[in-house]
Amino acid sequence: MSKRISAALLSTVAAVGLGLTLAAPANAADRDGACNTGELCYYFNSNFGGSLSDFYGNDPNLVDDAFLSSGNGQGQSVKNNAAGAKNIDPSHNVTVWYNRDYNFGTYSGRSDTLPANSQDGVFDNVYNQNASHSWW
């Protein structure tokens, strides 16, 4: 089972248990180093510079995901290396979390939420301290 399907399945099971409905973005391409509709795109440098890494769906631990496109940071882990991001989904928000598994641990408030079709060139709370993200 792919990580994308596993993460989505776990998130759905958790949401059903809590009585929540998680949204999944639509119309995204596979991870290809290009920022497409329906994806969250992390950037290695501030203001959308350097290499990018694109995601479709939740990811509970960014440690094994790398920046894909050419540019500064290509091949580096996304975890604790993203300066900003774009949410290219037209109808879903996404939260970038300080810790893995969608939480901010003992650092209350350590997350940044990007509304649908928005961008943040420099994260306020998780600049180079990002470990997971979840759509809602």
N, C-alpha and C. Protein backbone atom coordinates (compact mmCIF):
# COMPACT_ATOMS: atom_id res chain seq x y z
N MET A 1 0.86 -1.17 0.00
CA MET A 1 0.00 0.00 0.00
C MET A 1 0.90 1.23 0.00
N SER A 2 0.64 2.19 -0.86
CA SER A 2 1.48 3.37 -0.94
C SER A 2 1.31 4.23 0.30
N LYS A 3 2.33 5.07 0.53
CA LYS A 3 2.29 5.95 1.70
C LYS A 3 1.10 6.89 1.62
N ARG A 4 0.80 7.38 0.40
CA ARG A 4 -0.32 8.31 0.23
C ARG A 4 -1.62 7.63 0.63
N ILE A 5 -1.82 6.41 0.17
CA ILE A 5 -3.04 5.69 0.50
C ILE A 5 -3.07 5.34 1.98
N SER A 6 -1.92 4.90 2.54
CA SER A 6 -1.86 4.57 3.96
C SER A 6 -2.19 5.77 4.82
N ALA A 7 -1.58 6.94 4.50
CA ALA A 7 -1.82 8.15 5.29
C ALA A 7 -3.28 8.57 5.18
N ALA A 8 -3.82 8.50 3.97
CA ALA A 8 -5.22 8.88 3.77
C ALA A 8 -6.14 7.94 4.53
N LEU A 9 -5.85 6.64 4.50
CA LEU A 9 -6.67 5.66 5.19
C LEU A 9 -6.62 5.88 6.69
N LEU A 10 -5.42 6.08 7.24
CA LEU A 10 -5.30 6.32 8.68
C LEU A 10 -6.02 7.60 9.08
N SER A 11 -5.89 8.65 8.28
CA SER A 11 -6.56 9.91 8.59
C SER A 11 -8.07 9.74 8.54
N THR A 12 -8.55 9.00 7.55
CA THR A 12 -9.99 8.78 7.43
C THR A 12 -10.51 7.97 8.61
N VAL A 13 -9.80 6.91 8.99
CA VAL A 13 -10.21 6.09 10.14
C VAL A 13 -10.23 6.94 11.40
N ALA A 14 -9.21 7.76 11.61
CA ALA A 14 -9.16 8.63 12.79
C ALA A 14 -10.31 9.64 12.75
N ALA A 15 -10.56 10.21 11.58
CA ALA A 15 -11.63 11.20 11.46
C ALA A 15 -13.00 10.59 11.73
N VAL A 16 -13.22 9.39 11.21
CA VAL A 16 -14.50 8.72 11.44
C VAL A 16 -14.69 8.46 12.93
N GLY A 17 -13.60 8.04 13.60
CA GLY A 17 -13.66 7.79 15.03
C GLY A 17 -13.98 9.05 15.81
N LEU A 18 -13.55 10.20 15.31
CA LEU A 18 -13.80 11.47 15.98
C LEU A 18 -15.06 12.16 15.47
N GLY A 19 -15.70 11.56 14.46
CA GLY A 19 -16.89 12.16 13.89
C GLY A 19 -16.58 13.34 12.98
N LEU A 20 -15.35 13.41 12.45
CA LEU A 20 -14.95 14.50 11.58
C LEU A 20 -14.96 14.04 10.13
N THR A 21 -14.99 14.98 9.23
CA THR A 21 -14.86 14.68 7.81
C THR A 21 -13.61 15.37 7.30
N LEU A 22 -12.64 14.58 6.82
CA LEU A 22 -11.43 15.15 6.24
C LEU A 22 -11.61 15.30 4.75
N ALA A 23 -11.16 16.41 4.22
CA ALA A 23 -11.25 16.64 2.79
C ALA A 23 -9.96 16.22 2.12
N ALA A 24 -10.08 15.73 0.92
CA ALA A 24 -8.91 15.39 0.11
C ALA A 24 -8.90 16.28 -1.11
N PRO A 25 -7.75 16.86 -1.43
CA PRO A 25 -7.70 17.72 -2.60
C PRO A 25 -7.94 16.92 -3.88
N ALA A 26 -8.36 17.61 -4.92
CA ALA A 26 -8.68 16.92 -6.17
C ALA A 26 -7.79 17.41 -7.31
N ASN A 27 -7.68 16.60 -8.34
CA ASN A 27 -7.01 16.94 -9.59
C ASN A 27 -5.51 17.15 -9.48
N ALA A 28 -4.84 16.49 -8.60
CA ALA A 28 -3.40 16.66 -8.48
C ALA A 28 -2.66 15.58 -9.24
N ALA A 29 -1.47 15.93 -9.70
CA ALA A 29 -0.59 14.96 -10.36
C ALA A 29 0.24 14.26 -9.29
N ASP A 30 0.93 13.19 -9.70
CA ASP A 30 1.86 12.55 -8.77
C ASP A 30 2.98 13.51 -8.43
N ARG A 31 3.73 13.18 -7.39
CA ARG A 31 4.86 14.02 -6.99
C ARG A 31 5.85 14.07 -8.14
N ASP A 32 5.96 15.24 -8.75
CA ASP A 32 6.78 15.38 -9.94
C ASP A 32 7.68 16.62 -9.92
N GLY A 33 7.72 17.33 -8.81
CA GLY A 33 8.56 18.52 -8.73
C GLY A 33 7.95 19.72 -9.42
N ALA A 34 6.66 19.66 -9.72
CA ALA A 34 5.94 20.79 -10.31
C ALA A 34 4.71 21.06 -9.45
N CYS A 35 4.37 22.30 -9.29
CA CYS A 35 3.25 22.69 -8.44
C CYS A 35 1.97 22.69 -9.28
N ASN A 36 1.12 21.69 -9.08
CA ASN A 36 -0.11 21.51 -9.86
C ASN A 36 -1.35 21.76 -9.00
N THR A 37 -2.46 22.03 -9.65
CA THR A 37 -3.73 22.23 -8.97
C THR A 37 -4.02 21.04 -8.05
N GLY A 38 -4.44 21.32 -6.83
CA GLY A 38 -4.77 20.28 -5.87
C GLY A 38 -3.61 19.89 -4.96
N GLU A 39 -2.47 20.55 -5.09
CA GLU A 39 -1.28 20.17 -4.32
C GLU A 39 -0.86 21.24 -3.32
N LEU A 40 -0.10 20.78 -2.34
CA LEU A 40 0.64 21.64 -1.43
C LEU A 40 2.08 21.59 -1.91
N CYS A 41 2.68 22.75 -2.11
CA CYS A 41 4.05 22.82 -2.61
C CYS A 41 4.93 23.55 -1.61
N TYR A 42 5.90 22.82 -1.07
CA TYR A 42 6.88 23.41 -0.16
C TYR A 42 8.05 23.97 -0.96
N TYR A 43 8.66 25.05 -0.46
CA TYR A 43 9.82 25.65 -1.10
C TYR A 43 10.98 25.68 -0.12
N PHE A 44 12.17 25.39 -0.62
CA PHE A 44 13.37 25.35 0.22
C PHE A 44 13.76 26.74 0.69
N ASN A 45 13.64 27.74 -0.17
CA ASN A 45 14.00 29.11 0.20
C ASN A 45 12.76 29.96 0.41
N SER A 46 12.93 31.07 1.11
CA SER A 46 11.85 32.03 1.32
C SER A 46 11.34 32.58 -0.01
N ASN A 47 10.11 33.03 0.00
CA ASN A 47 9.48 33.67 -1.15
C ASN A 47 9.53 32.81 -2.41
N PHE A 48 9.32 31.51 -2.21
CA PHE A 48 9.14 30.53 -3.29
C PHE A 48 10.38 30.34 -4.13
N GLY A 49 11.54 30.43 -3.49
CA GLY A 49 12.80 30.21 -4.18
C GLY A 49 13.35 28.82 -3.92
N GLY A 50 14.33 28.45 -4.70
CA GLY A 50 14.98 27.15 -4.54
C GLY A 50 14.11 26.02 -5.02
N SER A 51 14.48 24.83 -4.62
CA SER A 51 13.77 23.62 -5.03
C SER A 51 12.40 23.56 -4.38
N LEU A 52 11.47 22.85 -5.04
CA LEU A 52 10.14 22.65 -4.45
C LEU A 52 9.84 21.17 -4.35
N SER A 53 8.90 20.85 -3.49
CA SER A 53 8.41 19.49 -3.33
C SER A 53 6.90 19.56 -3.25
N ASP A 54 6.22 18.81 -4.11
CA ASP A 54 4.76 18.87 -4.21
C ASP A 54 4.12 17.65 -3.57
N PHE A 55 2.97 17.88 -2.93
CA PHE A 55 2.27 16.82 -2.20
C PHE A 55 0.79 16.85 -2.50
N TYR A 56 0.21 15.67 -2.57
CA TYR A 56 -1.22 15.48 -2.71
C TYR A 56 -1.64 14.59 -1.55
N GLY A 57 -2.45 15.09 -0.66
CA GLY A 57 -2.90 14.32 0.49
C GLY A 57 -2.06 14.58 1.73
N ASN A 58 -2.48 13.98 2.82
CA ASN A 58 -1.81 14.15 4.11
C ASN A 58 -0.45 13.45 4.12
N ASP A 59 0.46 13.95 4.95
CA ASP A 59 1.75 13.28 5.15
C ASP A 59 2.11 13.44 6.63
N PRO A 60 2.11 12.33 7.39
CA PRO A 60 2.35 12.41 8.83
C PRO A 60 3.82 12.59 9.22
N ASN A 61 4.74 12.41 8.28
CA ASN A 61 6.16 12.54 8.61
C ASN A 61 6.94 12.84 7.34
N LEU A 62 7.43 14.06 7.22
CA LEU A 62 8.11 14.51 6.00
C LEU A 62 9.58 14.11 5.94
N VAL A 63 10.05 13.32 6.90
CA VAL A 63 11.47 13.00 6.98
C VAL A 63 11.99 12.27 5.74
N ASP A 64 11.16 11.44 5.11
CA ASP A 64 11.63 10.66 3.97
C ASP A 64 11.20 11.24 2.62
N ASP A 65 10.77 12.50 2.62
CA ASP A 65 10.38 13.19 1.40
C ASP A 65 11.43 14.25 1.08
N ALA A 66 11.81 14.35 -0.18
CA ALA A 66 12.88 15.27 -0.58
C ALA A 66 12.34 16.38 -1.48
N PHE A 67 13.08 17.48 -1.52
CA PHE A 67 12.81 18.53 -2.51
C PHE A 67 13.19 17.98 -3.87
N LEU A 68 12.31 18.14 -4.86
CA LEU A 68 12.43 17.43 -6.12
C LEU A 68 12.94 18.25 -7.30
N SER A 69 12.52 19.49 -7.42
CA SER A 69 12.87 20.25 -8.61
C SER A 69 14.31 20.76 -8.50
N SER A 70 14.82 21.24 -9.62
CA SER A 70 16.18 21.79 -9.60
C SER A 70 16.19 23.06 -8.75
N GLY A 71 17.35 23.41 -8.26
CA GLY A 71 17.50 24.61 -7.46
C GLY A 71 18.09 24.30 -6.10
N ASN A 72 18.34 25.36 -5.36
CA ASN A 72 18.92 25.24 -4.02
C ASN A 72 18.07 24.33 -3.15
N GLY A 73 18.68 23.31 -2.55
CA GLY A 73 17.98 22.40 -1.66
C GLY A 73 17.53 21.11 -2.31
N GLN A 74 17.70 20.96 -3.63
CA GLN A 74 17.26 19.73 -4.30
C GLN A 74 17.89 18.52 -3.63
N GLY A 75 17.07 17.51 -3.32
CA GLY A 75 17.52 16.29 -2.68
C GLY A 75 17.52 16.34 -1.16
N GLN A 76 17.39 17.52 -0.57
CA GLN A 76 17.33 17.66 0.90
C GLN A 76 15.96 17.18 1.39
N SER A 77 15.91 16.72 2.62
CA SER A 77 14.64 16.33 3.24
C SER A 77 13.75 17.56 3.39
N VAL A 78 12.45 17.38 3.17
CA VAL A 78 11.50 18.47 3.37
C VAL A 78 11.35 18.79 4.85
N LYS A 79 11.45 17.75 5.70
CA LYS A 79 11.29 17.96 7.14
C LYS A 79 12.34 18.95 7.65
N ASN A 80 11.85 19.99 8.30
CA ASN A 80 12.67 21.04 8.91
C ASN A 80 13.52 21.81 7.92
N ASN A 81 13.11 21.83 6.65
CA ASN A 81 13.84 22.58 5.64
C ASN A 81 12.97 23.46 4.76
N ALA A 82 11.67 23.51 4.99
CA ALA A 82 10.78 24.33 4.15
C ALA A 82 10.65 25.73 4.74
N ALA A 83 10.85 26.72 3.89
CA ALA A 83 10.73 28.10 4.32
C ALA A 83 9.32 28.65 4.11
N GLY A 84 8.63 28.13 3.09
CA GLY A 84 7.28 28.59 2.78
C GLY A 84 6.59 27.57 1.91
N ALA A 85 5.34 27.88 1.53
CA ALA A 85 4.56 26.93 0.74
C ALA A 85 3.43 27.63 -0.01
N LYS A 86 2.90 26.91 -0.99
CA LYS A 86 1.70 27.32 -1.72
C LYS A 86 0.67 26.20 -1.60
N ASN A 87 -0.57 26.57 -1.34
CA ASN A 87 -1.69 25.63 -1.36
C ASN A 87 -2.43 25.89 -2.67
N ILE A 88 -2.29 24.99 -3.62
CA ILE A 88 -2.88 25.17 -4.94
C ILE A 88 -4.22 24.44 -5.06
N ASP A 89 -4.79 24.05 -3.95
CA ASP A 89 -6.10 23.41 -3.97
C ASP A 89 -7.18 24.49 -3.93
N PRO A 90 -8.17 24.43 -4.81
CA PRO A 90 -9.18 25.49 -4.87
C PRO A 90 -10.22 25.47 -3.75
N SER A 91 -10.30 24.39 -2.97
CA SER A 91 -11.38 24.35 -1.98
C SER A 91 -11.01 23.78 -0.61
N HIS A 92 -9.75 23.45 -0.38
CA HIS A 92 -9.37 22.85 0.91
C HIS A 92 -8.21 23.60 1.55
N ASN A 93 -8.31 23.74 2.86
CA ASN A 93 -7.21 24.31 3.65
C ASN A 93 -6.21 23.21 3.98
N VAL A 94 -4.99 23.60 4.28
CA VAL A 94 -3.97 22.65 4.71
C VAL A 94 -3.19 23.27 5.88
N THR A 95 -2.93 22.46 6.90
CA THR A 95 -2.13 22.91 8.04
C THR A 95 -0.78 22.22 8.00
N VAL A 96 0.27 23.00 8.15
CA VAL A 96 1.63 22.49 8.25
C VAL A 96 1.99 22.50 9.73
N TRP A 97 2.40 21.33 10.24
CA TRP A 97 2.62 21.13 11.67
C TRP A 97 4.10 21.12 12.04
N TYR A 98 4.39 21.58 13.24
CA TYR A 98 5.74 21.60 13.80
C TYR A 98 6.28 20.18 14.00
N ASN A 99 5.44 19.27 14.49
CA ASN A 99 5.85 17.89 14.75
C ASN A 99 5.20 16.94 13.76
N ARG A 100 5.73 15.73 13.72
CA ARG A 100 5.11 14.70 12.88
C ARG A 100 3.76 14.32 13.48
N ASP A 101 3.01 13.57 12.74
CA ASP A 101 1.69 13.08 13.15
C ASP A 101 0.70 14.19 13.46
N TYR A 102 0.83 15.31 12.75
CA TYR A 102 -0.15 16.40 12.80
C TYR A 102 -0.33 17.01 14.18
N ASN A 103 0.75 17.33 14.84
CA ASN A 103 0.61 18.01 16.14
C ASN A 103 1.75 18.98 16.36
N PHE A 104 1.58 19.86 17.33
CA PHE A 104 2.63 20.80 17.68
C PHE A 104 3.26 20.47 19.01
N GLY A 105 2.98 19.29 19.55
CA GLY A 105 3.63 18.82 20.78
C GLY A 105 3.52 19.83 21.90
N THR A 106 4.62 20.08 22.57
CA THR A 106 4.64 21.01 23.70
C THR A 106 4.72 22.46 23.25
N TYR A 107 4.85 22.68 21.93
CA TYR A 107 4.94 24.03 21.39
C TYR A 107 3.59 24.47 20.87
N SER A 108 2.68 24.76 21.78
CA SER A 108 1.31 25.12 21.42
C SER A 108 1.29 26.23 20.38
N GLY A 109 0.50 26.02 19.35
CA GLY A 109 0.36 27.02 18.31
C GLY A 109 1.40 26.93 17.21
N ARG A 110 2.29 25.95 17.27
CA ARG A 110 3.35 25.85 16.27
C ARG A 110 2.84 25.13 15.03
N SER A 111 2.06 25.84 14.25
CA SER A 111 1.58 25.37 12.97
C SER A 111 1.24 26.59 12.12
N ASP A 112 1.15 26.39 10.83
CA ASP A 112 0.70 27.43 9.91
C ASP A 112 -0.37 26.81 9.02
N THR A 113 -1.48 27.52 8.86
CA THR A 113 -2.55 27.04 8.00
C THR A 113 -2.63 27.92 6.76
N LEU A 114 -2.67 27.26 5.62
CA LEU A 114 -2.83 27.94 4.35
C LEU A 114 -4.24 27.68 3.84
N PRO A 115 -5.06 28.72 3.71
CA PRO A 115 -6.40 28.54 3.15
C PRO A 115 -6.31 28.08 1.69
N ALA A 116 -7.43 27.63 1.14
CA ALA A 116 -7.48 27.23 -0.26
C ALA A 116 -6.93 28.35 -1.14
N ASN A 117 -6.18 27.97 -2.17
CA ASN A 117 -5.60 28.92 -3.13
C ASN A 117 -4.85 30.06 -2.46
N SER A 118 -3.95 29.73 -1.56
CA SER A 118 -3.17 30.77 -0.90
C SER A 118 -1.70 30.38 -0.88
N GLN A 119 -0.89 31.33 -0.46
CA GLN A 119 0.54 31.07 -0.37
C GLN A 119 1.13 31.83 0.80
N ASP A 120 2.23 31.31 1.28
CA ASP A 120 2.95 31.92 2.39
C ASP A 120 4.43 31.82 2.07
N GLY A 121 5.03 32.91 1.65
CA GLY A 121 6.43 32.92 1.24
C GLY A 121 7.40 32.69 2.38
N VAL A 122 6.98 33.00 3.60
CA VAL A 122 7.81 32.77 4.78
C VAL A 122 6.88 32.34 5.91
N PHE A 123 6.99 31.07 6.31
CA PHE A 123 6.15 30.58 7.41
C PHE A 123 6.36 31.42 8.66
N ASP A 124 5.28 31.69 9.38
CA ASP A 124 5.35 32.43 10.63
C ASP A 124 5.78 31.54 11.80
N ASN A 125 5.24 30.32 11.87
CA ASN A 125 5.43 29.47 13.04
C ASN A 125 6.26 28.22 12.80
N VAL A 126 6.40 27.79 11.54
CA VAL A 126 7.11 26.54 11.27
C VAL A 126 8.22 26.72 10.23
N TYR A 127 8.79 27.92 10.15
CA TYR A 127 9.88 28.19 9.21
C TYR A 127 11.04 27.25 9.52
N ASN A 128 11.38 26.39 8.56
CA ASN A 128 12.44 25.38 8.73
C ASN A 128 12.24 24.51 9.96
N GLN A 129 10.99 24.35 10.40
CA GLN A 129 10.65 23.51 11.54
C GLN A 129 9.32 22.82 11.28
N ASN A 130 9.20 22.24 10.11
CA ASN A 130 7.96 21.59 9.68
C ASN A 130 8.16 20.09 9.62
N ALA A 131 7.15 19.33 10.04
CA ALA A 131 7.32 17.88 10.08
C ALA A 131 6.16 17.09 9.48
N SER A 132 4.99 17.69 9.31
CA SER A 132 3.84 17.00 8.74
C SER A 132 2.84 18.03 8.22
N HIS A 133 1.87 17.55 7.44
CA HIS A 133 0.79 18.44 7.00
C HIS A 133 -0.50 17.62 6.85
N SER A 134 -1.62 18.32 7.02
CA SER A 134 -2.93 17.66 6.89
C SER A 134 -3.92 18.62 6.22
N TRP A 135 -4.74 18.05 5.35
CA TRP A 135 -5.77 18.81 4.63
C TRP A 135 -7.06 18.80 5.44
N TRP A 136 -7.84 19.86 5.30
CA TRP A 136 -9.16 19.90 5.93
C TRP A 136 -10.06 20.87 5.21
